[in-house]
């Protein structure tokens, strides 16, 4: 997957408008529109757009790029690592709720 594809897919998935991007990144709506339609965007402006994404969209963008390059074993290992980290970071309050449901 190309960077442009991943970024445009992120815009679509999170319903991010050119106006929102412009306000968050400082890049004009016209520049964003040109980029979405196949035009060039400087590396500096590309970075501004990516770093101005809301956190969930930012992570979605990078995950698309990473997962696209993984084979099944690498994807499995990544999912297992993420699951282990989630289990460790899970707030104790949620653990208590889960324990009470089991009991």
N, C-alpha and C. Protein backbone atom coordinates (compact mmCIF):
# COMPACT_ATOMS: atom_id res chain seq x y z
N UNK A 1 0.85 -1.18 0.00
CA UNK A 1 0.00 0.00 0.00
C UNK A 1 0.89 1.24 0.00
N UNK A 2 0.54 2.18 -0.81
CA UNK A 2 1.31 3.42 -0.88
C UNK A 2 0.85 4.39 0.21
N UNK A 3 1.74 5.31 0.55
CA UNK A 3 1.41 6.30 1.59
C UNK A 3 0.15 7.07 1.25
N UNK A 4 0.03 7.50 0.00
CA UNK A 4 -1.15 8.27 -0.42
C UNK A 4 -2.42 7.45 -0.20
N UNK A 5 -2.39 6.19 -0.64
CA UNK A 5 -3.57 5.32 -0.48
C UNK A 5 -3.95 5.18 0.99
N UNK A 6 -2.95 4.92 1.83
CA UNK A 6 -3.21 4.74 3.25
C UNK A 6 -3.78 6.00 3.88
N UNK A 7 -3.26 7.15 3.49
CA UNK A 7 -3.74 8.40 4.07
C UNK A 7 -5.16 8.71 3.59
N UNK A 8 -5.41 8.53 2.32
CA UNK A 8 -6.75 8.80 1.80
C UNK A 8 -7.76 7.82 2.39
N UNK A 9 -7.37 6.57 2.53
CA UNK A 9 -8.26 5.59 3.16
C UNK A 9 -8.55 5.98 4.60
N UNK A 10 -7.56 6.53 5.28
CA UNK A 10 -7.75 7.01 6.65
C UNK A 10 -8.74 8.17 6.67
N UNK A 11 -8.59 9.11 5.75
CA UNK A 11 -9.55 10.22 5.66
C UNK A 11 -10.97 9.68 5.51
N UNK A 12 -11.12 8.71 4.61
CA UNK A 12 -12.44 8.14 4.33
C UNK A 12 -12.99 7.39 5.54
N UNK A 13 -12.15 6.57 6.14
CA UNK A 13 -12.58 5.75 7.28
C UNK A 13 -13.04 6.61 8.46
N UNK A 14 -12.35 7.72 8.69
CA UNK A 14 -12.65 8.58 9.82
C UNK A 14 -13.45 9.83 9.43
N UNK A 15 -13.88 9.85 8.17
CA UNK A 15 -14.69 10.96 7.65
C UNK A 15 -14.04 12.32 7.95
N UNK A 16 -12.76 12.41 7.66
CA UNK A 16 -11.99 13.63 7.89
C UNK A 16 -12.07 14.48 6.63
N UNK A 17 -12.52 15.71 6.79
CA UNK A 17 -12.71 16.60 5.64
C UNK A 17 -11.45 17.43 5.37
N UNK A 18 -11.39 17.96 4.17
CA UNK A 18 -10.30 18.86 3.81
C UNK A 18 -10.26 20.07 4.73
N UNK A 19 -11.43 20.56 5.10
CA UNK A 19 -11.50 21.72 6.00
C UNK A 19 -10.90 21.37 7.37
N UNK A 20 -11.26 20.21 7.90
CA UNK A 20 -10.72 19.78 9.19
C UNK A 20 -9.21 19.63 9.13
N UNK A 21 -8.73 19.01 8.05
CA UNK A 21 -7.29 18.83 7.89
C UNK A 21 -6.57 20.17 7.77
N UNK A 22 -7.18 21.07 7.02
CA UNK A 22 -6.58 22.38 6.82
C UNK A 22 -6.44 23.12 8.16
N UNK A 23 -7.51 23.09 8.94
CA UNK A 23 -7.49 23.78 10.23
C UNK A 23 -6.47 23.15 11.18
N UNK A 24 -6.37 21.82 11.17
CA UNK A 24 -5.48 21.13 12.10
C UNK A 24 -4.01 21.20 11.68
N UNK A 25 -3.76 21.22 10.37
CA UNK A 25 -2.39 21.13 9.87
C UNK A 25 -1.79 22.45 9.41
N UNK A 26 -2.66 23.42 9.11
CA UNK A 26 -2.18 24.69 8.58
C UNK A 26 -1.92 24.67 7.08
N UNK A 27 -2.29 23.59 6.43
CA UNK A 27 -2.14 23.46 4.98
C UNK A 27 -3.47 23.85 4.34
N UNK A 28 -3.42 24.50 3.20
CA UNK A 28 -4.66 24.97 2.59
C UNK A 28 -5.52 23.81 2.12
N UNK A 29 -6.82 24.06 2.10
CA UNK A 29 -7.75 23.06 1.57
C UNK A 29 -7.43 22.72 0.13
N UNK A 30 -6.98 23.72 -0.64
CA UNK A 30 -6.64 23.50 -2.05
C UNK A 30 -5.49 22.51 -2.17
N UNK A 31 -4.47 22.64 -1.32
CA UNK A 31 -3.33 21.71 -1.36
C UNK A 31 -3.79 20.29 -1.01
N UNK A 32 -4.65 20.19 -0.03
CA UNK A 32 -5.17 18.88 0.39
C UNK A 32 -6.00 18.27 -0.72
N UNK A 33 -6.84 19.08 -1.34
CA UNK A 33 -7.66 18.60 -2.45
C UNK A 33 -6.79 18.10 -3.61
N UNK A 34 -5.76 18.87 -3.94
CA UNK A 34 -4.85 18.44 -5.02
C UNK A 34 -4.20 17.10 -4.68
N UNK A 35 -3.77 16.96 -3.43
CA UNK A 35 -3.14 15.71 -3.01
C UNK A 35 -4.12 14.54 -3.14
N UNK A 36 -5.34 14.75 -2.68
CA UNK A 36 -6.35 13.69 -2.76
C UNK A 36 -6.64 13.29 -4.20
N UNK A 37 -6.43 14.22 -5.11
CA UNK A 37 -6.69 13.97 -6.53
C UNK A 37 -5.44 13.61 -7.32
N UNK A 38 -4.37 13.24 -6.62
CA UNK A 38 -3.17 12.76 -7.30
C UNK A 38 -2.02 13.74 -7.38
N UNK A 39 -2.20 14.96 -6.88
CA UNK A 39 -1.14 15.96 -6.91
C UNK A 39 -0.08 15.70 -5.86
N UNK A 40 0.99 16.45 -5.96
CA UNK A 40 2.12 16.31 -5.04
C UNK A 40 1.87 17.08 -3.75
N UNK A 41 2.51 16.61 -2.70
CA UNK A 41 2.50 17.28 -1.40
C UNK A 41 3.91 17.14 -0.86
N UNK A 42 4.50 18.25 -0.46
CA UNK A 42 5.88 18.18 0.04
C UNK A 42 5.94 17.27 1.27
N UNK A 43 7.12 16.77 1.55
CA UNK A 43 7.30 15.91 2.72
C UNK A 43 6.91 16.64 4.00
N UNK A 44 7.29 17.89 4.10
CA UNK A 44 6.96 18.69 5.29
C UNK A 44 5.45 18.77 5.47
N UNK A 45 4.73 19.06 4.38
CA UNK A 45 3.28 19.16 4.47
C UNK A 45 2.63 17.80 4.71
N UNK A 46 3.19 16.75 4.11
CA UNK A 46 2.68 15.41 4.36
C UNK A 46 2.79 15.08 5.85
N UNK A 47 3.94 15.38 6.43
CA UNK A 47 4.14 15.15 7.87
C UNK A 47 3.16 15.97 8.69
N UNK A 48 2.91 17.20 8.29
CA UNK A 48 1.94 18.04 9.02
C UNK A 48 0.56 17.41 9.00
N UNK A 49 0.17 16.91 7.84
CA UNK A 49 -1.15 16.28 7.73
C UNK A 49 -1.22 15.05 8.62
N UNK A 50 -0.23 14.18 8.52
CA UNK A 50 -0.24 12.94 9.30
C UNK A 50 -0.24 13.23 10.79
N UNK A 51 0.61 14.13 11.24
CA UNK A 51 0.69 14.41 12.67
C UNK A 51 -0.50 15.20 13.20
N UNK A 52 -1.29 15.77 12.32
CA UNK A 52 -2.48 16.50 12.77
C UNK A 52 -3.72 15.60 12.85
N UNK A 53 -3.58 14.34 12.43
CA UNK A 53 -4.71 13.42 12.51
C UNK A 53 -5.09 13.16 13.96
N UNK A 54 -6.37 12.94 14.23
CA UNK A 54 -6.76 12.51 15.58
C UNK A 54 -6.02 11.20 15.91
N UNK A 55 -5.79 10.95 17.18
CA UNK A 55 -4.99 9.79 17.59
C UNK A 55 -5.44 8.48 16.94
N UNK A 56 -6.73 8.20 16.97
CA UNK A 56 -7.21 6.93 16.42
C UNK A 56 -6.94 6.85 14.92
N UNK A 57 -7.11 7.94 14.21
CA UNK A 57 -6.85 7.96 12.76
C UNK A 57 -5.35 7.84 12.49
N UNK A 58 -4.54 8.48 13.31
CA UNK A 58 -3.08 8.40 13.19
C UNK A 58 -2.63 6.94 13.31
N UNK A 59 -3.13 6.25 14.31
CA UNK A 59 -2.75 4.85 14.51
C UNK A 59 -3.27 3.97 13.38
N UNK A 60 -4.47 4.25 12.92
CA UNK A 60 -5.04 3.50 11.80
C UNK A 60 -4.16 3.63 10.56
N UNK A 61 -3.72 4.85 10.27
CA UNK A 61 -2.85 5.11 9.13
C UNK A 61 -1.60 4.25 9.19
N UNK A 62 -0.90 4.30 10.32
CA UNK A 62 0.35 3.55 10.45
C UNK A 62 0.12 2.05 10.47
N UNK A 63 -0.97 1.61 11.07
CA UNK A 63 -1.26 0.17 11.09
C UNK A 63 -1.53 -0.36 9.69
N UNK A 64 -2.21 0.42 8.87
CA UNK A 64 -2.44 -0.01 7.48
C UNK A 64 -1.12 -0.29 6.78
N UNK A 65 -0.19 0.62 6.94
CA UNK A 65 1.11 0.47 6.28
C UNK A 65 1.88 -0.73 6.83
N UNK A 66 1.85 -0.91 8.13
CA UNK A 66 2.59 -2.02 8.74
C UNK A 66 1.99 -3.36 8.37
N UNK A 67 0.69 -3.49 8.51
CA UNK A 67 0.02 -4.76 8.25
C UNK A 67 0.15 -5.16 6.78
N UNK A 68 0.15 -4.19 5.91
CA UNK A 68 0.26 -4.46 4.48
C UNK A 68 1.56 -5.19 4.13
N UNK A 69 2.60 -4.94 4.90
CA UNK A 69 3.91 -5.53 4.64
C UNK A 69 4.14 -6.85 5.38
N UNK A 70 3.20 -7.27 6.21
CA UNK A 70 3.39 -8.46 7.04
C UNK A 70 2.86 -9.72 6.36
N UNK A 71 3.57 -10.82 6.60
CA UNK A 71 3.00 -12.11 6.21
C UNK A 71 2.13 -12.59 7.37
N UNK A 72 1.48 -13.72 7.21
CA UNK A 72 0.55 -14.20 8.23
C UNK A 72 1.22 -14.42 9.58
N UNK A 73 2.43 -14.96 9.58
CA UNK A 73 3.13 -15.21 10.84
C UNK A 73 3.48 -13.90 11.55
N UNK A 74 3.94 -12.92 10.80
CA UNK A 74 4.26 -11.62 11.40
C UNK A 74 3.01 -10.95 11.95
N UNK A 75 1.91 -11.05 11.23
CA UNK A 75 0.65 -10.47 11.70
C UNK A 75 0.19 -11.17 12.97
N UNK A 76 0.29 -12.49 13.00
CA UNK A 76 -0.09 -13.25 14.19
C UNK A 76 0.76 -12.81 15.39
N UNK A 77 2.06 -12.71 15.20
CA UNK A 77 2.95 -12.30 16.29
C UNK A 77 2.62 -10.89 16.78
N UNK A 78 2.29 -10.00 15.86
CA UNK A 78 1.93 -8.63 16.23
C UNK A 78 0.64 -8.61 17.05
N UNK A 79 -0.34 -9.38 16.62
CA UNK A 79 -1.61 -9.44 17.34
C UNK A 79 -1.40 -10.02 18.74
N UNK A 80 -0.60 -11.06 18.85
CA UNK A 80 -0.33 -11.67 20.15
C UNK A 80 0.40 -10.70 21.07
N UNK A 81 1.35 -9.96 20.53
CA UNK A 81 2.08 -8.97 21.32
C UNK A 81 1.12 -7.88 21.81
N UNK A 82 0.25 -7.41 20.92
CA UNK A 82 -0.71 -6.37 21.30
C UNK A 82 -1.66 -6.89 22.37
N UNK A 83 -2.12 -8.13 22.23
CA UNK A 83 -3.03 -8.71 23.22
C UNK A 83 -2.35 -8.81 24.58
N UNK A 84 -1.09 -9.20 24.60
CA UNK A 84 -0.35 -9.30 25.86
C UNK A 84 -0.20 -7.93 26.51
N UNK A 85 0.09 -6.92 25.70
CA UNK A 85 0.23 -5.57 26.24
C UNK A 85 -1.10 -5.05 26.78
N UNK A 86 -2.17 -5.34 26.07
CA UNK A 86 -3.49 -4.92 26.55
C UNK A 86 -3.81 -5.58 27.89
N UNK A 87 -3.50 -6.84 28.00
CA UNK A 87 -3.77 -7.55 29.24
C UNK A 87 -2.99 -6.93 30.40
N UNK A 88 -1.74 -6.58 30.16
CA UNK A 88 -0.90 -5.96 31.20
C UNK A 88 -1.39 -4.57 31.57
N UNK A 89 -1.85 -3.82 30.59
CA UNK A 89 -2.22 -2.42 30.82
C UNK A 89 -3.67 -2.24 31.24
N UNK A 90 -4.42 -3.32 31.22
CA UNK A 90 -5.84 -3.22 31.53
C UNK A 90 -6.02 -2.67 32.94
N UNK A 91 -6.84 -1.64 33.08
CA UNK A 91 -7.06 -1.06 34.40
C UNK A 91 -7.60 -2.10 35.39
N UNK A 92 -7.15 -2.01 36.63
CA UNK A 92 -7.57 -2.98 37.65
C UNK A 92 -9.08 -2.96 37.83
N UNK A 93 -9.69 -1.84 37.61
CA UNK A 93 -11.14 -1.74 37.74
C UNK A 93 -11.84 -2.68 36.75
N UNK A 94 -11.34 -2.74 35.52
CA UNK A 94 -11.92 -3.64 34.54
C UNK A 94 -11.66 -5.10 34.90
N UNK A 95 -10.49 -5.37 35.44
CA UNK A 95 -10.19 -6.74 35.88
C UNK A 95 -11.18 -7.18 36.95
N UNK A 96 -11.50 -6.27 37.87
CA UNK A 96 -12.44 -6.59 38.94
C UNK A 96 -13.82 -6.89 38.36
N UNK A 97 -14.25 -6.11 37.37
CA UNK A 97 -15.55 -6.34 36.74
C UNK A 97 -15.58 -7.70 36.07
N UNK A 98 -14.49 -8.05 35.39
CA UNK A 98 -14.43 -9.34 34.72
C UNK A 98 -14.45 -10.47 35.74
N UNK A 99 -13.76 -10.30 36.85
CA UNK A 99 -13.72 -11.32 37.89
C UNK A 99 -15.09 -11.54 38.49
N UNK A 100 -15.83 -10.46 38.71
CA UNK A 100 -17.16 -10.59 39.30
C UNK A 100 -18.14 -11.26 38.35
N UNK A 101 -17.94 -11.11 37.04
CA UNK A 101 -18.81 -11.77 36.07
C UNK A 101 -18.57 -13.27 36.06
N UNK A 102 -17.32 -13.67 36.27
CA UNK A 102 -16.96 -15.08 36.25
C UNK A 102 -17.44 -15.77 37.52
N UNK A 103 -17.39 -15.06 38.63
CA UNK A 103 -17.73 -15.64 39.94
C UNK A 103 -19.19 -15.91 40.11
